[in-house]
Amino acid sequence: MQTVVLDTNSLLMPFELGLNLDLMVSDVLGQAHMVVPEPLLGELARSKNKYAKVALKLANKYEIVPAEKRGDDSVIEVALRLNAIVLTNDRELRSRLRKVGVPLLFLRSGTHLILEELK
């Protein structure tokens, strides 16, 4: 079973775009184990985004994984440690993940997820 690391952006997607994250991930990967880096809980708690509170509830539905780093660095840290795929639509984070060889899942056309496996 593949592990998928969720970032703040991906936790907000279901509420901003009306998507079922679990269903979309299973359509692409089959059964997957979804995790959230612990520092992102604080990031969501402090966020001014109107969906932050419900995104925080969603995050707590998944396994919370400790990380030493903060923000995007915690996503990269956890992905590398767990040999995981990262689900994000954050362009800057995707660029950083590509540089370190982490596979990506991202939303295309607002309707479906694309898996980008790096060689």
N, C-alpha and C. Protein backbone atom coordinates (compact mmCIF):
# COMPACT_ATOMS: atom_id res chain seq x y z
N MET A 1 0.84 -1.18 0.00
CA MET A 1 0.00 0.00 0.00
C MET A 1 0.89 1.25 0.00
N GLN A 2 0.59 2.17 -0.87
CA GLN A 2 1.38 3.39 -1.01
C GLN A 2 0.99 4.41 0.06
N THR A 3 1.98 5.14 0.57
CA THR A 3 1.74 6.22 1.53
C THR A 3 1.66 7.54 0.78
N VAL A 4 0.68 8.36 1.14
CA VAL A 4 0.50 9.67 0.53
C VAL A 4 0.57 10.73 1.62
N VAL A 5 1.48 11.69 1.46
CA VAL A 5 1.61 12.80 2.39
C VAL A 5 0.74 13.95 1.88
N LEU A 6 -0.11 14.46 2.75
CA LEU A 6 -0.98 15.59 2.40
C LEU A 6 -0.35 16.87 2.91
N ASP A 7 -0.39 17.92 2.11
CA ASP A 7 0.07 19.22 2.58
C ASP A 7 -1.15 20.09 2.87
N THR A 8 -0.94 21.28 3.35
CA THR A 8 -2.04 22.18 3.70
C THR A 8 -2.93 22.43 2.50
N ASN A 9 -2.33 22.66 1.35
CA ASN A 9 -3.07 22.90 0.11
C ASN A 9 -4.04 21.76 -0.20
N SER A 10 -3.57 20.54 -0.08
CA SER A 10 -4.42 19.39 -0.41
C SER A 10 -5.53 19.20 0.63
N LEU A 11 -5.29 19.59 1.87
CA LEU A 11 -6.31 19.48 2.91
C LEU A 11 -7.43 20.52 2.72
N LEU A 12 -7.12 21.61 2.05
CA LEU A 12 -8.13 22.64 1.77
C LEU A 12 -8.93 22.34 0.51
N MET A 13 -8.34 21.57 -0.43
CA MET A 13 -8.99 21.27 -1.72
C MET A 13 -10.42 20.75 -1.62
N PRO A 14 -10.70 19.80 -0.72
CA PRO A 14 -12.07 19.26 -0.68
C PRO A 14 -13.12 20.34 -0.40
N PHE A 15 -12.74 21.35 0.38
CA PHE A 15 -13.69 22.38 0.78
C PHE A 15 -13.73 23.53 -0.22
N GLU A 16 -12.58 23.87 -0.77
CA GLU A 16 -12.52 24.95 -1.75
C GLU A 16 -13.12 24.52 -3.09
N LEU A 17 -12.96 23.24 -3.44
CA LEU A 17 -13.37 22.77 -4.77
C LEU A 17 -14.47 21.72 -4.74
N GLY A 18 -14.91 21.32 -3.55
CA GLY A 18 -15.98 20.32 -3.45
C GLY A 18 -15.56 18.94 -3.92
N LEU A 19 -14.37 18.50 -3.54
CA LEU A 19 -13.83 17.21 -3.98
C LEU A 19 -13.82 16.20 -2.84
N ASN A 20 -13.90 14.93 -3.19
CA ASN A 20 -13.74 13.85 -2.22
C ASN A 20 -12.31 13.33 -2.37
N LEU A 21 -11.45 13.76 -1.48
CA LEU A 21 -10.03 13.45 -1.54
C LEU A 21 -9.76 11.95 -1.50
N ASP A 22 -10.42 11.26 -0.57
CA ASP A 22 -10.19 9.81 -0.43
C ASP A 22 -10.56 9.06 -1.70
N LEU A 23 -11.69 9.41 -2.27
CA LEU A 23 -12.15 8.75 -3.50
C LEU A 23 -11.21 9.04 -4.67
N MET A 24 -10.79 10.29 -4.78
CA MET A 24 -9.89 10.66 -5.88
C MET A 24 -8.54 9.95 -5.78
N VAL A 25 -8.00 9.85 -4.57
CA VAL A 25 -6.72 9.16 -4.39
C VAL A 25 -6.88 7.68 -4.69
N SER A 26 -7.97 7.08 -4.22
CA SER A 26 -8.17 5.64 -4.47
C SER A 26 -8.39 5.36 -5.95
N ASP A 27 -8.97 6.30 -6.69
CA ASP A 27 -9.13 6.13 -8.14
C ASP A 27 -7.78 6.01 -8.85
N VAL A 28 -6.78 6.72 -8.33
CA VAL A 28 -5.46 6.72 -8.96
C VAL A 28 -4.55 5.63 -8.41
N LEU A 29 -4.56 5.44 -7.09
CA LEU A 29 -3.59 4.55 -6.45
C LEU A 29 -4.19 3.25 -5.90
N GLY A 30 -5.50 3.15 -5.88
CA GLY A 30 -6.11 2.05 -5.15
C GLY A 30 -6.06 2.40 -3.68
N GLN A 31 -5.88 1.41 -2.82
CA GLN A 31 -5.83 1.67 -1.40
C GLN A 31 -4.54 2.41 -1.06
N ALA A 32 -4.65 3.47 -0.29
CA ALA A 32 -3.47 4.26 0.09
C ALA A 32 -3.57 4.64 1.56
N HIS A 33 -2.40 4.84 2.16
CA HIS A 33 -2.31 5.26 3.55
C HIS A 33 -1.99 6.75 3.55
N MET A 34 -2.91 7.57 4.03
CA MET A 34 -2.73 9.02 4.00
C MET A 34 -2.20 9.51 5.34
N VAL A 35 -1.20 10.39 5.27
CA VAL A 35 -0.59 10.94 6.48
C VAL A 35 -0.46 12.45 6.35
N VAL A 36 -0.41 13.10 7.51
CA VAL A 36 -0.27 14.56 7.58
C VAL A 36 0.90 14.88 8.51
N PRO A 37 1.88 15.66 8.04
CA PRO A 37 2.96 16.08 8.94
C PRO A 37 2.39 16.91 10.10
N GLU A 38 2.78 16.60 11.31
CA GLU A 38 2.25 17.26 12.51
C GLU A 38 2.35 18.79 12.47
N PRO A 39 3.44 19.38 11.98
CA PRO A 39 3.52 20.85 11.97
C PRO A 39 2.39 21.53 11.17
N LEU A 40 1.78 20.80 10.24
CA LEU A 40 0.72 21.41 9.43
C LEU A 40 -0.55 21.65 10.25
N LEU A 41 -0.71 20.94 11.35
CA LEU A 41 -1.88 21.16 12.20
C LEU A 41 -1.85 22.58 12.78
N GLY A 42 -0.68 23.01 13.22
CA GLY A 42 -0.53 24.38 13.73
C GLY A 42 -0.72 25.41 12.63
N GLU A 43 -0.23 25.08 11.44
CA GLU A 43 -0.38 25.97 10.29
C GLU A 43 -1.87 26.17 9.98
N LEU A 44 -2.63 25.09 9.98
CA LEU A 44 -4.07 25.19 9.73
C LEU A 44 -4.78 25.93 10.87
N ALA A 45 -4.37 25.68 12.09
CA ALA A 45 -5.00 26.33 13.25
C ALA A 45 -4.82 27.84 13.21
N ARG A 46 -3.69 28.30 12.65
CA ARG A 46 -3.40 29.74 12.58
C ARG A 46 -3.90 30.38 11.28
N SER A 47 -4.32 29.57 10.34
CA SER A 47 -4.69 30.08 9.01
C SER A 47 -5.92 30.97 9.05
N LYS A 48 -5.94 31.95 8.19
CA LYS A 48 -7.10 32.85 8.03
C LYS A 48 -8.06 32.32 6.97
N ASN A 49 -7.70 31.22 6.29
CA ASN A 49 -8.56 30.64 5.26
C ASN A 49 -9.88 30.23 5.89
N LYS A 50 -10.98 30.54 5.22
CA LYS A 50 -12.31 30.26 5.80
C LYS A 50 -12.58 28.77 5.96
N TYR A 51 -11.82 27.92 5.29
CA TYR A 51 -12.00 26.48 5.39
C TYR A 51 -10.98 25.81 6.32
N ALA A 52 -10.15 26.59 6.96
CA ALA A 52 -9.06 26.04 7.76
C ALA A 52 -9.55 25.14 8.90
N LYS A 53 -10.62 25.53 9.57
CA LYS A 53 -11.12 24.73 10.70
C LYS A 53 -11.61 23.35 10.25
N VAL A 54 -12.35 23.29 9.15
CA VAL A 54 -12.82 21.98 8.67
C VAL A 54 -11.67 21.19 8.06
N ALA A 55 -10.70 21.87 7.47
CA ALA A 55 -9.51 21.18 6.95
C ALA A 55 -8.71 20.57 8.10
N LEU A 56 -8.69 21.25 9.24
CA LEU A 56 -8.01 20.72 10.42
C LEU A 56 -8.71 19.46 10.92
N LYS A 57 -10.04 19.46 10.90
CA LYS A 57 -10.79 18.26 11.28
C LYS A 57 -10.49 17.11 10.32
N LEU A 58 -10.42 17.42 9.02
CA LEU A 58 -10.09 16.41 8.02
C LEU A 58 -8.68 15.86 8.28
N ALA A 59 -7.73 16.74 8.56
CA ALA A 59 -6.34 16.31 8.80
C ALA A 59 -6.28 15.30 9.95
N ASN A 60 -7.08 15.53 10.97
CA ASN A 60 -7.07 14.63 12.14
C ASN A 60 -7.70 13.28 11.86
N LYS A 61 -8.33 13.13 10.71
CA LYS A 61 -8.88 11.84 10.29
C LYS A 61 -7.76 10.89 9.84
N TYR A 62 -6.64 11.48 9.43
CA TYR A 62 -5.51 10.71 8.92
C TYR A 62 -4.45 10.55 10.01
N GLU A 63 -3.45 9.71 9.73
CA GLU A 63 -2.35 9.54 10.67
C GLU A 63 -1.52 10.83 10.70
N ILE A 64 -1.27 11.30 11.90
CA ILE A 64 -0.43 12.49 12.09
C ILE A 64 0.99 11.99 12.35
N VAL A 65 1.92 12.47 11.53
CA VAL A 65 3.31 12.00 11.57
C VAL A 65 4.21 13.12 12.10
N PRO A 66 5.01 12.83 13.12
CA PRO A 66 5.91 13.87 13.64
C PRO A 66 6.95 14.27 12.60
N ALA A 67 7.34 15.54 12.67
CA ALA A 67 8.39 16.06 11.79
C ALA A 67 9.16 17.13 12.56
N GLU A 68 10.45 17.20 12.31
CA GLU A 68 11.27 18.20 12.98
C GLU A 68 11.17 19.56 12.31
N LYS A 69 10.99 19.55 10.99
CA LYS A 69 10.94 20.80 10.24
C LYS A 69 9.52 21.35 10.23
N ARG A 70 9.34 22.53 9.66
CA ARG A 70 8.04 23.21 9.62
C ARG A 70 7.60 23.44 8.18
N GLY A 71 6.29 23.66 8.00
CA GLY A 71 5.73 24.02 6.70
C GLY A 71 6.07 23.01 5.61
N ASP A 72 6.40 23.54 4.43
CA ASP A 72 6.72 22.68 3.28
C ASP A 72 7.91 21.77 3.57
N ASP A 73 8.85 22.26 4.38
CA ASP A 73 10.01 21.43 4.73
C ASP A 73 9.59 20.17 5.46
N SER A 74 8.52 20.26 6.26
CA SER A 74 8.04 19.08 6.98
C SER A 74 7.41 18.07 6.01
N VAL A 75 6.76 18.57 4.97
CA VAL A 75 6.17 17.69 3.95
C VAL A 75 7.28 16.92 3.24
N ILE A 76 8.33 17.61 2.86
CA ILE A 76 9.46 16.98 2.18
C ILE A 76 10.14 15.98 3.11
N GLU A 77 10.37 16.38 4.35
CA GLU A 77 11.00 15.49 5.35
C GLU A 77 10.22 14.18 5.49
N VAL A 78 8.91 14.28 5.68
CA VAL A 78 8.08 13.09 5.88
C VAL A 78 8.04 12.24 4.61
N ALA A 79 7.90 12.88 3.46
CA ALA A 79 7.85 12.14 2.19
C ALA A 79 9.12 11.33 1.96
N LEU A 80 10.27 11.94 2.22
CA LEU A 80 11.54 11.24 2.04
C LEU A 80 11.70 10.11 3.06
N ARG A 81 11.32 10.37 4.29
CA ARG A 81 11.46 9.37 5.35
C ARG A 81 10.57 8.15 5.10
N LEU A 82 9.35 8.39 4.59
CA LEU A 82 8.39 7.31 4.39
C LEU A 82 8.37 6.77 2.95
N ASN A 83 9.24 7.32 2.10
CA ASN A 83 9.26 6.93 0.69
C ASN A 83 7.85 7.05 0.10
N ALA A 84 7.27 8.23 0.28
CA ALA A 84 5.86 8.46 -0.04
C ALA A 84 5.67 9.38 -1.24
N ILE A 85 4.43 9.40 -1.71
CA ILE A 85 3.96 10.34 -2.73
C ILE A 85 3.41 11.55 -1.99
N VAL A 86 3.56 12.74 -2.56
CA VAL A 86 2.97 13.94 -1.95
C VAL A 86 1.82 14.43 -2.82
N LEU A 87 0.69 14.70 -2.17
CA LEU A 87 -0.46 15.28 -2.85
C LEU A 87 -0.47 16.77 -2.56
N THR A 88 -0.27 17.58 -3.61
CA THR A 88 -0.27 19.04 -3.47
C THR A 88 -0.51 19.71 -4.81
N ASN A 89 -1.09 20.88 -4.77
CA ASN A 89 -1.19 21.71 -5.96
C ASN A 89 -0.33 22.96 -5.82
N ASP A 90 0.48 23.01 -4.79
CA ASP A 90 1.38 24.13 -4.53
C ASP A 90 2.56 24.02 -5.50
N ARG A 91 2.63 24.96 -6.43
CA ARG A 91 3.66 24.89 -7.49
C ARG A 91 5.08 24.92 -6.95
N GLU A 92 5.32 25.80 -5.99
CA GLU A 92 6.68 25.91 -5.44
C GLU A 92 7.08 24.60 -4.75
N LEU A 93 6.16 24.03 -3.97
CA LEU A 93 6.45 22.77 -3.29
C LEU A 93 6.65 21.65 -4.31
N ARG A 94 5.83 21.60 -5.35
CA ARG A 94 6.00 20.57 -6.38
C ARG A 94 7.38 20.67 -7.01
N SER A 95 7.83 21.88 -7.28
CA SER A 95 9.16 22.08 -7.88
C SER A 95 10.25 21.56 -6.94
N ARG A 96 10.13 21.86 -5.66
CA ARG A 96 11.12 21.38 -4.69
C ARG A 96 11.10 19.87 -4.58
N LEU A 97 9.91 19.27 -4.62
CA LEU A 97 9.79 17.81 -4.53
C LEU A 97 10.40 17.12 -5.74
N ARG A 98 10.20 17.70 -6.91
CA ARG A 98 10.79 17.14 -8.13
C ARG A 98 12.31 17.10 -8.01
N LYS A 99 12.89 18.16 -7.44
CA LYS A 99 14.35 18.25 -7.32
C LYS A 99 14.93 17.15 -6.42
N VAL A 100 14.14 16.68 -5.46
CA VAL A 100 14.64 15.63 -4.57
C VAL A 100 14.06 14.26 -4.92
N GLY A 101 13.33 14.19 -6.04
CA GLY A 101 12.88 12.90 -6.56
C GLY A 101 11.66 12.30 -5.90
N VAL A 102 10.79 13.13 -5.31
CA VAL A 102 9.58 12.63 -4.65
C VAL A 102 8.43 12.61 -5.67
N PRO A 103 7.74 11.47 -5.82
CA PRO A 103 6.59 11.40 -6.73
C PRO A 103 5.45 12.30 -6.25
N LEU A 104 4.67 12.79 -7.20
CA LEU A 104 3.62 13.77 -6.91
C LEU A 104 2.25 13.31 -7.38
N LEU A 105 1.25 13.72 -6.64
CA LEU A 105 -0.14 13.66 -7.08
C LEU A 105 -0.62 15.10 -7.09
N PHE A 106 -1.24 15.53 -8.17
CA PHE A 106 -1.76 16.89 -8.19
C PHE A 106 -3.02 16.95 -9.02
N LEU A 107 -3.81 17.99 -8.76
CA LEU A 107 -5.09 18.16 -9.41
C LEU A 107 -4.90 18.80 -10.78
N ARG A 108 -5.50 18.19 -11.79
CA ARG A 108 -5.44 18.71 -13.15
C ARG A 108 -6.84 19.13 -13.56
N SER A 109 -6.97 20.32 -14.10
CA SER A 109 -8.24 20.85 -14.61
C SER A 109 -9.33 20.91 -13.54
N GLY A 110 -8.94 20.86 -12.28
CA GLY A 110 -9.91 20.93 -11.20
C GLY A 110 -10.81 19.73 -11.08
N THR A 111 -10.48 18.65 -11.84
CA THR A 111 -11.40 17.51 -11.87
C THR A 111 -10.78 16.16 -11.53
N HIS A 112 -9.49 15.98 -11.76
CA HIS A 112 -8.89 14.67 -11.54
C HIS A 112 -7.43 14.78 -11.11
N LEU A 113 -6.97 13.76 -10.41
CA LEU A 113 -5.59 13.75 -9.95
C LEU A 113 -4.70 13.06 -10.97
N ILE A 114 -3.50 13.59 -11.09
CA ILE A 114 -2.48 13.05 -11.97
C ILE A 114 -1.32 12.56 -11.08
N LEU A 115 -0.83 11.37 -11.35
CA LEU A 115 0.35 10.84 -10.65
C LEU A 115 1.56 11.11 -11.51
N GLU A 116 2.53 11.80 -10.94
CA GLU A 116 3.78 12.08 -11.65
C GLU A 116 4.90 11.37 -10.90
N GLU A 117 5.31 10.25 -11.47
CA GLU A 117 6.41 9.49 -10.86
C GLU A 117 7.70 9.93 -11.51
N LEU A 118 8.66 10.27 -10.70
CA LEU A 118 9.94 10.76 -11.20
C LEU A 118 10.90 9.61 -11.37
N LYS A 119 11.72 9.72 -12.38
CA LYS A 119 12.70 8.66 -12.67
C LYS A 119 13.96 8.89 -11.88
